[in-house]
Amino acid sequence: MRIISTPGEMSRLARAIRREGSGRHSLVPTMGALHEGHVSLVRAARDGSTIVTVSIFVNPTQFGPNEDLARYPRTFEADCAALQGLGVDYVFAPAAPDMYPDGFRTSVHVDGLRDRLEGQVRPGHFDGVATVVLKLFAIAQPDAAFFGRKDAQQLRIIRQMTSDLDLGIEIVGCPIVREPDGLAGSSRNAYLSPDERRAATVLSRALRAAADAIGRGIRASAEIVAAADAVIKAEPMARPDYVELVDADTFDRVGSIERTALLLLAVRIGSTRLIDNAVINVRDGEVNVER
């Protein structure tokens, strides 16, 4: 496994891969602090790809002024050891000044999707995400890129950007990986105290309550959201930012389940903010919930 530290070196390698026709090149963008969710992305990329590159870059432009950039976990040596064991070919780990040199002025805006839900709570967040992902795509020139479905709005925005700009990159969304107690994998789980860690299961319990309501035949959005919200509000350590049922394509709120939708949660446990979601699939009149 080779570690690449500059955009120029990564670009030269990417051009060589394309010129030589080395096979399918897949990229897994990460901010490091790898967990089982990341491992699942790498394994999915490895399956069917000739070359796998993982980027590790804690992107400063997607953090707001009061967010956790300074304390975001950085475990580069452990991450590299894990990636080598997974058969990764290249790790691209640039420094922030190389990605955003003096005079950098460009930002990517995906209108209609960036200013709601996560974008409303974290202004500018998705501009930072879209910009860095576009830079990573331009530098690494992958055939495919792998992202987790836990960050559902991020995944939707990246799909839109990739389509709108005719990038020709396959965007693969991979299932949420959960701990045995249901908590979705997240680098921010490391911030939780033991008591907070137990309380954090409220997100998956809220999704389960909503799924149970749907299983009983409830289709009204307000009732489904209320079932999830009640579980969250019953946990003393939990403070919800939002509980929303939205159309999976437009991210508009829906009044009832008529087509594929997403139930999205953002909850603060102590000082740690966690997100989770469930996909509500509608096919041939049948409704099922994927968490």
Protein backbone atom coordinates (compact mmCIF):
# COMPACT_ATOMS: atom_id res chain seq x y z
CA MET A 1 0.00 0.00 0.00
CA ARG A 2 1.33 3.41 -0.98
CA ILE A 3 0.58 6.64 0.90
CA ILE A 4 0.27 9.74 -1.27
CA SER A 5 0.42 13.14 0.40
CA THR A 6 0.01 15.72 -2.37
CA PRO A 7 -2.70 16.38 -4.96
CA GLY A 8 -0.06 16.60 -7.70
CA GLU A 9 1.28 13.13 -6.98
CA MET A 10 -2.23 11.68 -6.79
CA SER A 11 -3.19 13.34 -10.09
CA ARG A 12 -0.12 11.94 -11.85
CA LEU A 13 -0.92 8.47 -10.54
CA ALA A 14 -4.58 8.77 -11.60
CA ARG A 15 -3.58 9.78 -15.11
CA ALA A 16 -1.20 6.80 -15.31
CA ILE A 17 -3.96 4.43 -14.16
CA ARG A 18 -6.25 5.71 -16.92
CA ARG A 19 -3.52 5.76 -19.57
CA GLU A 20 -2.45 2.20 -18.81
CA GLY A 21 -6.02 0.86 -18.65
CA SER A 22 -5.28 -0.70 -15.28
CA GLY A 23 -8.92 -1.58 -14.58
CA ARG A 24 -11.73 -0.20 -12.45
CA HIS A 25 -10.42 2.39 -10.01
CA SER A 26 -12.64 3.02 -6.97
CA LEU A 27 -12.38 5.82 -4.41
CA VAL A 28 -13.60 5.75 -0.81
CA PRO A 29 -13.54 9.31 0.58
CA THR A 30 -13.16 9.49 4.39
CA MET A 31 -12.10 11.86 7.13
CA GLY A 32 -10.25 9.06 8.91
CA ALA A 33 -11.04 7.74 12.41
CA LEU A 34 -12.18 4.62 10.58
CA HIS A 35 -14.89 2.35 11.97
CA GLU A 36 -16.83 -0.66 10.70
CA GLY A 37 -18.93 1.53 8.45
CA HIS A 38 -15.81 2.65 6.61
CA VAL A 39 -14.58 -0.93 6.51
CA SER A 40 -17.79 -1.96 4.77
CA LEU A 41 -17.26 0.75 2.13
CA VAL A 42 -13.71 -0.42 1.47
CA ARG A 43 -14.84 -4.04 1.18
CA ALA A 44 -17.59 -3.04 -1.23
CA ALA A 45 -15.07 -1.07 -3.30
CA ARG A 46 -12.57 -3.92 -3.23
CA ASP A 47 -15.19 -6.33 -4.57
CA GLY A 48 -15.14 -5.79 -8.32
CA SER A 49 -12.40 -3.15 -8.46
CA THR A 50 -8.84 -3.55 -9.65
CA ILE A 51 -7.52 -0.54 -7.76
CA VAL A 52 -8.88 0.97 -4.54
CA THR A 53 -7.89 4.39 -3.22
CA VAL A 54 -9.02 5.66 0.18
CA SER A 55 -8.72 9.36 0.92
CA ILE A 56 -8.17 10.55 4.48
CA PHE A 57 -8.75 14.27 4.81
CA VAL A 58 -10.44 16.13 7.67
CA ASN A 59 -12.05 18.80 5.52
CA PRO A 60 -12.11 22.15 7.34
CA THR A 61 -14.62 23.77 4.99
CA GLN A 62 -17.49 21.53 6.07
CA PHE A 63 -17.16 22.47 9.75
CA GLY A 64 -18.95 25.52 11.10
CA PRO A 65 -17.30 28.01 13.50
CA ASN A 66 -18.78 26.32 16.59
CA GLU A 67 -18.28 22.72 15.44
CA ASP A 68 -15.73 20.08 16.36
CA LEU A 69 -12.91 20.46 13.79
CA ALA A 70 -10.19 20.80 16.44
CA ARG A 71 -11.27 17.73 18.38
CA TYR A 72 -12.31 15.56 15.46
CA PRO A 73 -10.51 12.23 16.06
CA ARG A 74 -7.35 11.71 14.05
CA THR A 75 -5.97 8.17 14.05
CA PHE A 76 -3.90 8.11 10.89
CA GLU A 77 -1.43 5.33 11.76
CA ALA A 78 -4.18 2.98 12.97
CA ASP A 79 -6.28 3.84 9.92
CA CYS A 80 -3.43 2.99 7.55
CA ALA A 81 -2.78 -0.31 9.31
CA ALA A 82 -6.44 -1.25 8.94
CA LEU A 83 -6.53 -0.22 5.28
CA GLN A 84 -3.45 -2.23 4.47
CA GLY A 85 -5.14 -5.28 5.97
CA LEU A 86 -8.13 -4.64 3.73
CA GLY A 87 -6.04 -4.69 0.57
CA VAL A 88 -6.21 -0.99 -0.24
CA ASP A 89 -3.77 0.08 -2.94
CA TYR A 90 -3.40 3.80 -2.23
CA VAL A 91 -4.13 6.16 0.65
CA PHE A 92 -4.46 9.79 -0.39
CA ALA A 93 -3.84 11.96 2.68
CA PRO A 94 -3.29 15.58 1.67
CA ALA A 95 -2.73 18.55 3.98
CA ALA A 96 -5.32 21.34 4.12
CA PRO A 97 -2.98 24.00 2.63
CA ASP A 98 -2.44 21.74 -0.40
CA MET A 99 -6.18 21.27 -0.92
CA TYR A 100 -7.00 24.93 -0.24
CA PRO A 101 -3.92 26.98 -1.16
CA ASP A 102 -3.75 30.74 -0.72
CA GLY A 103 -6.15 32.39 -3.13
CA PHE A 104 -8.59 29.48 -3.31
CA ARG A 105 -12.00 31.00 -4.15
CA THR A 106 -14.26 28.31 -5.61
CA SER A 107 -17.26 26.72 -3.89
CA VAL A 108 -19.84 24.22 -5.16
CA HIS A 109 -23.53 24.86 -4.39
CA VAL A 110 -26.19 22.22 -5.06
CA ASP A 111 -29.28 24.38 -4.89
CA GLY A 112 -32.55 23.00 -3.60
CA LEU A 113 -30.87 20.33 -1.48
CA ARG A 114 -28.14 22.12 0.50
CA ASP A 115 -30.15 24.53 2.67
CA ARG A 116 -32.61 22.23 4.40
CA LEU A 117 -32.35 19.75 7.30
CA GLU A 118 -28.60 19.27 7.87
CA GLY A 119 -27.89 22.32 5.74
CA GLN A 120 -30.24 24.47 7.80
CA VAL A 121 -28.74 23.36 11.10
CA ARG A 122 -25.17 23.55 9.72
CA PRO A 123 -25.07 26.49 7.27
CA GLY A 124 -22.42 26.07 4.59
CA HIS A 125 -21.78 22.44 5.48
CA PHE A 126 -22.88 20.95 2.17
CA ASP A 127 -21.02 23.57 0.14
CA GLY A 128 -17.87 22.38 1.90
CA VAL A 129 -18.77 18.72 1.28
CA ALA A 130 -19.59 19.20 -2.40
CA THR A 131 -16.46 21.27 -3.01
CA VAL A 132 -14.06 18.80 -1.41
CA VAL A 133 -15.70 15.80 -3.07
CA LEU A 134 -15.48 17.46 -6.47
CA LYS A 135 -11.79 18.19 -5.80
CA LEU A 136 -11.19 14.57 -4.77
CA PHE A 137 -12.92 13.37 -7.93
CA ALA A 138 -10.85 15.73 -10.09
CA ILE A 139 -7.60 14.66 -8.43
CA ALA A 140 -8.16 10.89 -8.16
CA GLN A 141 -10.25 10.46 -11.35
CA PRO A 142 -12.05 7.32 -10.11
CA ASP A 143 -14.48 5.20 -12.06
CA ALA A 144 -16.62 4.76 -8.94
CA ALA A 145 -16.90 6.30 -5.47
CA PHE A 146 -18.41 4.73 -2.35
CA PHE A 147 -20.39 6.52 0.36
CA GLY A 148 -22.44 5.40 3.36
CA ARG A 149 -26.22 5.79 3.41
CA LYS A 150 -26.12 7.07 6.98
CA ASP A 151 -25.30 10.50 5.54
CA ALA A 152 -28.37 10.34 3.32
CA GLN A 153 -28.57 14.01 2.41
CA GLN A 154 -24.87 14.12 1.62
CA LEU A 155 -25.23 11.09 -0.65
CA ARG A 156 -28.18 12.68 -2.47
CA ILE A 157 -26.23 15.92 -3.00
CA ILE A 158 -23.17 14.08 -4.33
CA ARG A 159 -25.35 12.11 -6.75
CA GLN A 160 -26.92 15.36 -7.98
CA MET A 161 -23.58 17.10 -8.40
CA THR A 162 -22.09 14.13 -10.24
CA SER A 163 -25.05 13.99 -12.61
CA ASP A 164 -25.32 17.74 -13.18
CA LEU A 165 -21.61 18.10 -13.98
CA ASP A 166 -21.46 14.97 -16.19
CA LEU A 167 -18.58 13.54 -14.18
CA GLY A 168 -19.12 9.98 -15.39
CA ILE A 169 -18.42 8.51 -11.96
CA GLU A 170 -20.61 5.75 -10.51
CA ILE A 171 -21.80 6.77 -7.05
CA VAL A 172 -22.40 3.71 -4.86
CA GLY A 173 -24.42 4.07 -1.65
CA CYS A 174 -23.72 1.36 0.94
CA PRO A 175 -25.97 0.22 3.82
CA ILE A 176 -25.64 1.59 7.33
CA VAL A 177 -23.47 -0.59 9.57
CA ARG A 178 -24.79 -0.83 13.12
CA GLU A 179 -23.43 -1.95 16.46
CA PRO A 180 -25.19 -4.94 18.08
CA ASP A 181 -27.37 -2.52 20.09
CA GLY A 182 -28.45 -0.71 16.93
CA LEU A 183 -26.27 2.42 17.11
CA ALA A 184 -25.08 3.44 13.64
CA GLY A 185 -21.33 3.51 13.14
CA SER A 186 -19.86 7.01 13.36
CA SER A 187 -16.47 8.50 14.14
CA ARG A 188 -18.27 10.79 16.58
CA ASN A 189 -19.35 7.81 18.70
CA ALA A 190 -15.87 8.05 20.24
CA TYR A 191 -16.94 11.30 21.94
CA LEU A 192 -19.67 9.58 23.96
CA SER A 193 -19.24 8.77 27.65
CA PRO A 194 -20.50 5.32 28.75
CA ASP A 195 -23.83 6.83 29.88
CA GLU A 196 -24.14 8.83 26.67
CA ARG A 197 -23.29 5.75 24.63
CA ARG A 198 -26.22 3.90 26.21
CA ALA A 199 -28.50 6.89 25.64
CA ALA A 200 -27.43 7.13 21.99
CA THR A 201 -29.33 3.95 21.16
CA VAL A 202 -32.41 6.19 21.27
CA LEU A 203 -31.85 6.98 17.58
CA SER A 204 -32.21 3.37 16.45
CA ARG A 205 -35.03 2.82 18.94
CA ALA A 206 -36.87 5.80 17.46
CA LEU A 207 -36.48 4.40 13.95
CA ARG A 208 -37.76 1.04 15.18
CA ALA A 209 -40.83 2.72 16.70
CA ALA A 210 -41.55 4.42 13.38
CA ALA A 211 -41.09 1.13 11.53
CA ASP A 212 -43.49 -0.56 13.93
CA ALA A 213 -46.08 2.15 13.27
CA ILE A 214 -45.70 1.65 9.53
CA GLY A 215 -46.01 -2.10 10.07
CA ARG A 216 -49.38 -1.47 11.76
CA GLY A 217 -50.58 0.23 8.59
CA ILE A 218 -49.98 3.87 9.52
CA ARG A 219 -49.13 5.96 6.46
CA ALA A 220 -49.62 9.54 7.70
CA SER A 221 -46.32 11.35 8.09
CA ALA A 222 -47.36 13.19 11.25
CA GLU A 223 -48.15 9.94 13.07
CA ILE A 224 -44.95 8.23 11.97
CA VAL A 225 -42.83 11.21 13.00
CA ALA A 226 -44.69 11.41 16.31
CA ALA A 227 -43.89 7.76 17.06
CA ALA A 228 -40.17 8.39 16.59
CA ASP A 229 -40.21 11.75 18.35
CA ALA A 230 -41.90 10.31 21.43
CA VAL A 231 -39.08 7.80 21.90
CA ILE A 232 -36.43 10.50 21.61
CA LYS A 233 -38.16 12.86 24.02
CA ALA A 234 -38.46 10.06 26.58
CA GLU A 235 -34.65 9.88 26.79
CA PRO A 236 -33.43 12.56 29.23
CA MET A 237 -30.00 12.86 27.62
CA ALA A 238 -31.36 13.36 24.08
CA ARG A 239 -32.14 16.68 22.39
CA PRO A 240 -33.53 16.36 18.85
CA ASP A 241 -32.52 18.84 16.16
CA TYR A 242 -35.08 17.39 13.79
CA VAL A 243 -37.22 14.33 13.05
CA GLU A 244 -38.50 14.52 9.47
CA LEU A 245 -40.12 12.29 6.89
CA VAL A 246 -39.10 13.43 3.40
CA ASP A 247 -39.26 12.37 -0.22
CA ALA A 248 -36.10 10.38 -1.00
CA ASP A 249 -35.44 12.36 -4.20
CA THR A 250 -36.46 15.95 -3.46
CA PHE A 251 -36.05 15.94 0.34
CA ASP A 252 -39.36 17.79 0.57
CA ARG A 253 -41.55 16.92 3.55
CA VAL A 254 -44.32 14.47 2.68
CA GLY A 255 -47.81 14.24 4.15
CA SER A 256 -48.09 10.48 3.75
CA ILE A 257 -46.15 7.53 2.40
CA GLU A 258 -46.91 7.16 -1.29
CA ARG A 259 -43.42 6.68 -2.76
CA THR A 260 -39.93 5.99 -1.45
CA ALA A 261 -39.22 8.23 1.54
CA LEU A 262 -36.61 8.78 4.23
CA LEU A 263 -37.14 9.18 7.94
CA LEU A 264 -34.25 11.39 9.06
CA LEU A 265 -33.06 11.99 12.63
CA ALA A 266 -30.52 14.39 14.09
CA VAL A 267 -30.12 14.15 17.87
CA ARG A 268 -27.67 15.66 20.34
CA ILE A 269 -26.48 13.39 23.13
CA GLY A 270 -24.57 15.61 25.51
CA SER A 271 -22.26 17.66 23.29
CA THR A 272 -22.23 15.05 20.50
CA ARG A 273 -24.50 15.36 17.50
CA LEU A 274 -25.56 12.11 15.81
CA ILE A 275 -27.62 11.41 12.70
CA ASP A 276 -29.45 8.31 11.49
CA ASN A 277 -32.15 7.39 9.01
CA ALA A 278 -34.41 4.70 7.65
CA VAL A 279 -35.48 4.16 4.04
CA ILE A 280 -39.19 3.56 3.54
CA ASN A 281 -39.59 1.64 0.29
CA VAL A 282 -42.87 1.50 -1.63
CA ARG A 283 -43.10 -1.15 -4.36
CA ASP A 284 -46.30 -2.47 -5.93
CA GLY A 285 -48.33 -1.24 -2.98
CA GLU A 286 -46.06 -2.95 -0.46
CA VAL A 287 -44.22 -0.85 2.13
CA ASN A 288 -41.06 -1.97 3.92
CA VAL A 289 -38.58 -0.14 6.12
CA GLU A 290 -34.81 -0.52 5.74
CA ARG A 291 -32.75 0.66 8.70
